[in-house]
Amino acid sequence: MAEALTIAVGIAQTSAIVALAPLLTGVMRKVKARTQKRVGASVLQPYYDLAKLMKKDEVVSDQSSWVFRSAPWVVMVAMITAALFVPAFLPFSPFGTVGDILVVLGLFGLARFFTMLVGLDVASTFGGLGASREMMISSLTEPALFLTIFVVSLSLGGTNLSSLVGAAAQYAGFAEAPSMLFALIAFFIVLLAETGRLPFDNPATHLELTMVHEAMVLEYSGKSLAMVQWSQSIKQLLLFALLVNLFIPAGIPASLDSGWSVAAGAAGFVAKVVLLAMLVAYVETRAAKWRLFRVPDLLAMAIASSMIGVIFFYL
């Protein structure tokens, strides 16, 4: 009975992540608009956009194959599956025994792989342009992300996400584990790259000189486009959850024995994620889109920061 309750709680947590992911996107858009002296759309606008796209018919290129039609489903299922393993509102994931953080990163890579295939599958110039840029960026982003997780695993022990979050809640901060500070710097840079934020990409543009992710999914419409956008929002929330739970663990409840502590921990998680989203949105308004061949310099900083973290761990 207890095991069934735990699984039900885990499914409820995953459902909350999937449901609230577009809201986080709306909050970030609102912050960017206010920072740029604009009123901006409602924070609920992403939900309206998804509902509108779900009702529209799809236009499919006659040059596409089964990859184009199945990719949105693969990406959506990969993100929902990853959400099963990531502790968010709770200090653990009930499904952590069958997958760890390496599985989550593998699911991210699977979604990226199919997205790049889509860009090449439709025989579009824009799609090929976006896929080639994504290949170049991901070839540096993934090593930086794995190095960052390596530092976290060394500092907190293991790769199981529930154990990592529990260990993060117990240590006394960066003074006890200074390697985590450098991992935090690297993870923040990687987060901007993985979510397609400035200075790596501009999610609000359709200019061929600047777009990366948008170029790969430019041929989608209707329900498929809705799933692609929703999947991107879920991935964004998962990365934010990993950052706040691993590097800013204050307020995480030690157990589920007290309902008040769980509620307070969930409220604290929401507050931290919203503040982080506001910070990322503010950084976007103060940063320009970098030239493509300058992007590796920023990712090299993330890799160097992670390597410094490894050195501090062994000092």
Protein backbone atom coordinates (compact mmCIF):
# COMPACT_ATOMS: atom_id res chain seq x y z
CA MET A 1 0.00 0.00 0.00
CA ALA A 2 2.81 2.36 0.89
CA GLU A 3 4.56 1.58 -2.38
CA ALA A 4 1.39 2.27 -4.37
CA LEU A 5 0.98 5.60 -2.56
CA THR A 6 4.58 6.53 -3.31
CA ILE A 7 4.12 5.78 -7.01
CA ALA A 8 0.89 7.79 -7.05
CA VAL A 9 2.72 10.73 -5.47
CA GLY A 10 5.46 10.43 -8.10
CA ILE A 11 2.92 10.42 -10.93
CA ALA A 12 1.22 13.46 -9.39
CA GLN A 13 4.58 15.26 -9.25
CA THR A 14 5.27 14.45 -12.89
CA SER A 15 1.79 15.60 -13.90
CA ALA A 16 2.37 18.89 -12.07
CA ILE A 17 5.66 19.41 -13.93
CA VAL A 18 4.00 18.78 -17.29
CA ALA A 19 1.05 21.04 -16.45
CA LEU A 20 3.07 23.94 -15.04
CA ALA A 21 5.84 23.97 -17.67
CA PRO A 22 4.03 26.39 -20.06
CA LEU A 23 3.29 28.70 -17.12
CA LEU A 24 7.02 29.11 -16.48
CA THR A 25 7.47 30.09 -20.13
CA GLY A 26 4.72 32.67 -19.72
CA VAL A 27 6.38 34.11 -16.62
CA MET A 28 9.68 34.50 -18.46
CA ARG A 29 8.01 36.22 -21.40
CA LYS A 30 6.21 38.58 -19.03
CA VAL A 31 9.43 39.49 -17.22
CA LYS A 32 11.20 40.16 -20.53
CA ALA A 33 8.35 42.38 -21.67
CA ARG A 34 8.31 44.38 -18.44
CA THR A 35 12.09 44.77 -18.52
CA GLN A 36 11.82 46.09 -22.07
CA LYS A 37 9.12 48.63 -21.01
CA ARG A 38 6.32 46.66 -22.66
CA VAL A 39 3.07 45.34 -21.17
CA GLY A 40 3.44 41.92 -22.70
CA ALA A 41 0.97 39.06 -22.95
CA SER A 42 -0.56 37.29 -19.98
CA VAL A 43 1.49 34.63 -18.21
CA LEU A 44 -1.24 32.21 -19.35
CA GLN A 45 -0.66 33.00 -23.02
CA PRO A 46 1.35 29.78 -23.66
CA TYR A 47 -1.71 27.77 -22.65
CA TYR A 48 -3.87 29.74 -25.09
CA ASP A 49 -1.30 29.18 -27.83
CA LEU A 50 -1.19 25.44 -27.18
CA ALA A 51 -4.98 25.21 -27.17
CA LYS A 52 -5.15 27.12 -30.46
CA LEU A 53 -2.54 24.92 -32.11
CA MET A 54 -4.30 21.76 -30.94
CA LYS A 55 -7.41 22.82 -32.89
CA LYS A 56 -5.59 23.61 -36.13
CA ASP A 57 -4.95 21.28 -39.03
CA GLU A 58 -1.42 20.22 -39.89
CA VAL A 59 0.42 20.91 -43.11
CA VAL A 60 2.99 18.19 -43.82
CA SER A 61 5.72 18.53 -46.41
CA ASP A 62 5.59 15.97 -49.23
CA GLN A 63 9.36 15.60 -48.82
CA SER A 64 9.06 14.33 -45.25
CA SER A 65 9.18 10.74 -44.00
CA TRP A 66 8.00 8.92 -40.88
CA VAL A 67 10.71 10.76 -38.92
CA PHE A 68 8.91 14.08 -39.34
CA ARG A 69 5.57 12.64 -38.21
CA SER A 70 6.87 10.66 -35.24
CA ALA A 71 9.47 13.11 -33.88
CA PRO A 72 7.01 15.27 -31.86
CA TRP A 73 5.71 12.15 -30.12
CA VAL A 74 9.22 10.87 -29.43
CA VAL A 75 10.31 14.22 -28.01
CA MET A 76 7.17 14.56 -25.88
CA VAL A 77 7.43 11.03 -24.47
CA ALA A 78 11.15 11.51 -23.78
CA MET A 79 10.51 14.70 -21.78
CA ILE A 80 7.63 13.18 -19.79
CA THR A 81 9.76 10.12 -19.05
CA ALA A 82 12.60 12.34 -17.88
CA ALA A 83 10.15 14.14 -15.59
CA LEU A 84 9.49 10.82 -13.83
CA PHE A 85 13.10 10.71 -12.59
CA VAL A 86 13.64 14.35 -11.57
CA PRO A 87 12.73 15.34 -7.98
CA ALA A 88 10.92 18.65 -8.08
CA PHE A 89 8.33 19.38 -5.41
CA LEU A 90 9.45 16.33 -3.39
CA PRO A 91 12.94 15.47 -2.08
CA PHE A 92 12.96 12.20 -4.03
CA SER A 93 11.65 10.52 -7.16
CA PRO A 94 9.73 7.25 -6.67
CA PHE A 95 11.07 6.05 -10.01
CA GLY A 96 14.71 6.81 -9.16
CA THR A 97 15.48 3.12 -8.63
CA VAL A 98 15.15 2.39 -12.35
CA GLY A 99 16.96 5.45 -13.67
CA ASP A 100 19.42 8.11 -12.57
CA ILE A 101 20.64 11.44 -13.87
CA LEU A 102 22.48 9.74 -16.74
CA VAL A 103 19.15 8.39 -18.00
CA VAL A 104 17.72 11.92 -17.88
CA LEU A 105 20.64 13.25 -19.90
CA GLY A 106 20.22 10.37 -22.34
CA LEU A 107 16.55 11.25 -22.83
CA PHE A 108 17.55 14.87 -23.47
CA GLY A 109 20.01 13.61 -26.08
CA LEU A 110 17.35 11.40 -27.69
CA ALA A 111 14.99 14.37 -28.04
CA ARG A 112 17.77 16.51 -29.52
CA PHE A 113 18.73 13.76 -31.97
CA PHE A 114 15.21 13.44 -33.36
CA THR A 115 14.84 17.22 -33.54
CA MET A 116 17.99 17.44 -35.64
CA LEU A 117 16.75 14.60 -37.86
CA VAL A 118 13.54 16.58 -38.44
CA GLY A 119 15.55 19.57 -39.63
CA LEU A 120 17.25 17.37 -42.24
CA ASP A 121 14.23 15.23 -43.11
CA VAL A 122 12.07 17.90 -44.74
CA ALA A 123 14.78 18.90 -47.24
CA SER A 124 14.45 22.52 -46.16
CA THR A 125 17.33 24.98 -46.30
CA PHE A 126 16.33 26.46 -42.96
CA GLY A 127 16.06 23.01 -41.39
CA GLY A 128 19.53 22.01 -42.54
CA LEU A 129 20.92 25.32 -41.31
CA GLY A 130 19.38 24.86 -37.87
CA ALA A 131 20.45 21.22 -37.62
CA SER A 132 24.06 22.02 -38.50
CA ARG A 133 24.16 24.80 -35.91
CA GLU A 134 22.56 22.55 -33.29
CA MET A 135 25.15 19.84 -34.00
CA MET A 136 27.98 22.29 -33.45
CA ILE A 137 26.52 23.70 -30.24
CA SER A 138 25.51 20.32 -28.80
CA SER A 139 28.96 18.86 -29.48
CA LEU A 140 30.24 21.27 -26.81
CA THR A 141 27.15 21.55 -24.63
CA GLU A 142 26.91 17.83 -23.87
CA PRO A 143 30.56 17.47 -22.71
CA ALA A 144 30.10 20.55 -20.52
CA LEU A 145 26.91 19.09 -19.05
CA PHE A 146 28.48 15.70 -18.37
CA LEU A 147 31.51 17.33 -16.74
CA THR A 148 29.19 19.40 -14.55
CA ILE A 149 27.26 16.30 -13.48
CA PHE A 150 30.59 14.57 -12.83
CA VAL A 151 31.53 17.33 -10.38
CA VAL A 152 28.11 17.08 -8.70
CA SER A 153 28.43 13.31 -8.43
CA LEU A 154 31.89 13.60 -6.89
CA SER A 155 30.77 16.25 -4.41
CA LEU A 156 27.45 14.68 -3.37
CA GLY A 157 28.09 11.01 -4.11
CA GLY A 158 26.52 8.80 -6.79
CA THR A 159 24.30 9.54 -9.74
CA ASN A 160 20.87 8.70 -8.29
CA LEU A 161 18.90 11.92 -8.32
CA SER A 162 17.03 11.22 -5.09
CA SER A 163 20.31 10.57 -3.28
CA LEU A 164 21.91 13.67 -4.82
CA VAL A 165 19.05 15.94 -3.76
CA GLY A 166 19.06 14.41 -0.27
CA ALA A 167 22.81 14.93 0.04
CA ALA A 168 22.53 18.49 -1.27
CA ALA A 169 19.96 19.27 1.43
CA GLN A 170 22.40 18.13 4.13
CA TYR A 171 25.67 19.80 3.18
CA ALA A 172 26.44 23.25 4.56
CA GLY A 173 26.70 25.07 1.26
CA PHE A 174 29.56 26.10 -1.00
CA ALA A 175 31.92 26.60 1.97
CA GLU A 176 31.84 22.84 2.57
CA ALA A 177 31.94 21.87 -1.10
CA PRO A 178 33.53 24.74 -3.11
CA SER A 179 33.59 22.51 -6.17
CA MET A 180 29.79 22.91 -6.31
CA LEU A 181 30.18 26.66 -6.88
CA PHE A 182 32.11 26.07 -10.09
CA ALA A 183 29.62 23.38 -11.07
CA LEU A 184 26.82 25.91 -10.56
CA ILE A 185 28.51 28.40 -12.90
CA ALA A 186 28.96 25.72 -15.55
CA PHE A 187 25.40 24.42 -15.14
CA PHE A 188 23.92 27.91 -15.54
CA ILE A 189 25.78 28.39 -18.83
CA VAL A 190 24.70 24.95 -20.03
CA LEU A 191 21.11 25.72 -19.00
CA LEU A 192 21.08 28.76 -21.29
CA ALA A 193 22.39 26.65 -24.16
CA GLU A 194 20.04 23.70 -23.58
CA THR A 195 16.95 25.90 -23.41
CA GLY A 196 17.93 27.96 -26.46
CA ARG A 197 18.29 31.25 -24.60
CA LEU A 198 20.43 34.27 -25.38
CA PRO A 199 23.31 34.54 -26.10
CA PHE A 200 23.12 31.06 -27.71
CA ASP A 201 19.74 31.33 -29.43
CA ASN A 202 16.73 33.62 -29.52
CA PRO A 203 13.47 31.70 -29.03
CA ALA A 204 11.41 34.70 -30.18
CA THR A 205 12.97 35.15 -33.61
CA HIS A 206 12.40 33.76 -37.09
CA LEU A 207 15.39 35.44 -38.69
CA GLU A 208 17.46 32.95 -40.67
CA LEU A 209 20.71 34.54 -39.48
CA THR A 210 20.02 33.88 -35.79
CA MET A 211 17.57 31.01 -35.28
CA VAL A 212 18.72 27.52 -34.30
CA HIS A 213 15.93 25.52 -32.66
CA GLU A 214 13.19 27.39 -34.51
CA ALA A 215 14.82 26.57 -37.84
CA MET A 216 14.61 22.83 -37.17
CA VAL A 217 10.89 22.88 -36.26
CA LEU A 218 9.85 25.58 -38.73
CA GLU A 219 7.87 23.11 -40.88
CA TYR A 220 5.64 21.98 -38.00
CA SER A 221 2.10 23.22 -37.50
CA GLY A 222 -1.01 22.30 -35.56
CA LYS A 223 -0.80 19.53 -32.95
CA SER A 224 2.78 18.62 -33.81
CA LEU A 225 3.99 22.18 -33.21
CA ALA A 226 2.06 22.26 -29.93
CA MET A 227 3.82 19.09 -28.73
CA VAL A 228 7.23 20.45 -29.74
CA GLN A 229 6.65 23.72 -27.85
CA TRP A 230 5.24 21.93 -24.82
CA SER A 231 8.20 19.52 -24.77
CA GLN A 232 10.62 22.46 -24.83
CA SER A 233 8.82 24.00 -21.85
CA ILE A 234 9.00 20.71 -19.92
CA LYS A 235 12.71 20.40 -20.60
CA GLN A 236 13.23 23.96 -19.43
CA LEU A 237 11.40 23.31 -16.15
CA LEU A 238 13.35 20.08 -15.58
CA LEU A 239 16.68 21.88 -15.99
CA PHE A 240 15.52 24.63 -13.64
CA ALA A 241 14.44 21.97 -11.11
CA LEU A 242 17.84 20.28 -11.29
CA LEU A 243 19.62 23.58 -10.71
CA VAL A 244 17.59 24.71 -7.70
CA ASN A 245 17.43 21.28 -6.04
CA LEU A 246 21.11 20.44 -6.47
CA PHE A 247 22.71 23.84 -5.93
CA ILE A 248 20.11 25.80 -3.89
CA PRO A 249 18.61 23.06 -1.72
CA ALA A 250 17.34 25.30 1.10
CA GLY A 251 13.83 24.36 2.18
CA ILE A 252 13.78 20.82 0.81
CA PRO A 253 11.85 18.62 3.30
CA ALA A 254 13.86 15.76 4.75
CA SER A 255 10.91 13.32 4.56
CA LEU A 256 7.21 13.06 3.80
CA ASP A 257 6.23 12.53 7.43
CA SER A 258 4.99 16.09 7.89
CA GLY A 259 2.46 17.43 5.40
CA TRP A 260 3.27 21.01 6.37
CA SER A 261 6.97 20.57 5.62
CA VAL A 262 6.16 19.04 2.22
CA ALA A 263 3.80 21.92 1.41
CA ALA A 264 6.43 24.44 2.53
CA GLY A 265 9.07 22.66 0.47
CA ALA A 266 6.83 22.70 -2.61
CA ALA A 267 6.13 26.41 -2.14
CA GLY A 268 9.84 27.07 -1.71
CA PHE A 269 10.60 25.13 -4.88
CA VAL A 270 8.08 27.16 -6.87
CA ALA A 271 9.50 30.40 -5.48
CA LYS A 272 13.09 29.42 -6.34
CA VAL A 273 12.17 28.32 -9.86
CA VAL A 274 10.23 31.53 -10.52
CA LEU A 275 13.12 33.65 -9.23
CA LEU A 276 15.55 31.71 -11.41
CA ALA A 277 13.26 32.17 -14.41
CA MET A 278 13.13 35.90 -13.75
CA LEU A 279 16.93 35.98 -13.53
CA VAL A 280 17.31 34.15 -16.85
CA ALA A 281 14.77 36.46 -18.49
CA TYR A 282 16.60 39.51 -17.13
CA VAL A 283 19.93 38.18 -18.40
CA GLU A 284 18.35 37.75 -21.82
CA THR A 285 17.30 41.40 -21.94
CA ARG A 286 20.86 42.47 -21.09
CA ALA A 287 22.64 40.11 -23.50
CA ALA A 288 22.92 40.18 -27.27
CA LYS A 289 22.89 37.20 -29.57
CA TRP A 290 26.50 36.06 -29.94
CA ARG A 291 27.98 35.27 -33.31
CA LEU A 292 27.92 31.54 -33.98
CA PHE A 293 31.68 31.13 -33.83
CA ARG A 294 31.88 32.93 -30.47
CA VAL A 295 29.48 30.49 -28.82
CA PRO A 296 32.21 27.83 -28.26
CA ASP A 297 34.11 30.37 -26.15
CA LEU A 298 31.25 30.54 -23.65
CA LEU A 299 30.85 26.77 -23.57
CA ALA A 300 34.61 26.44 -23.09
CA MET A 301 34.17 28.60 -19.98
CA ALA A 302 31.61 26.08 -18.70
CA ILE A 303 33.97 23.18 -19.35
CA ALA A 304 36.84 25.03 -17.67
CA SER A 305 34.66 25.86 -14.67
CA SER A 306 33.73 22.19 -14.29
CA MET A 307 37.38 21.15 -14.51
CA ILE A 308 38.26 23.68 -11.80
CA GLY A 309 35.51 22.11 -9.71
CA VAL A 310 37.13 18.70 -10.13
CA ILE A 311 40.47 20.15 -9.03
CA PHE A 312 38.91 21.75 -5.93
CA PHE A 313 37.28 18.44 -5.04
CA TYR A 314 40.64 16.66 -4.93
CA LEU A 315 42.49 19.46 -3.13
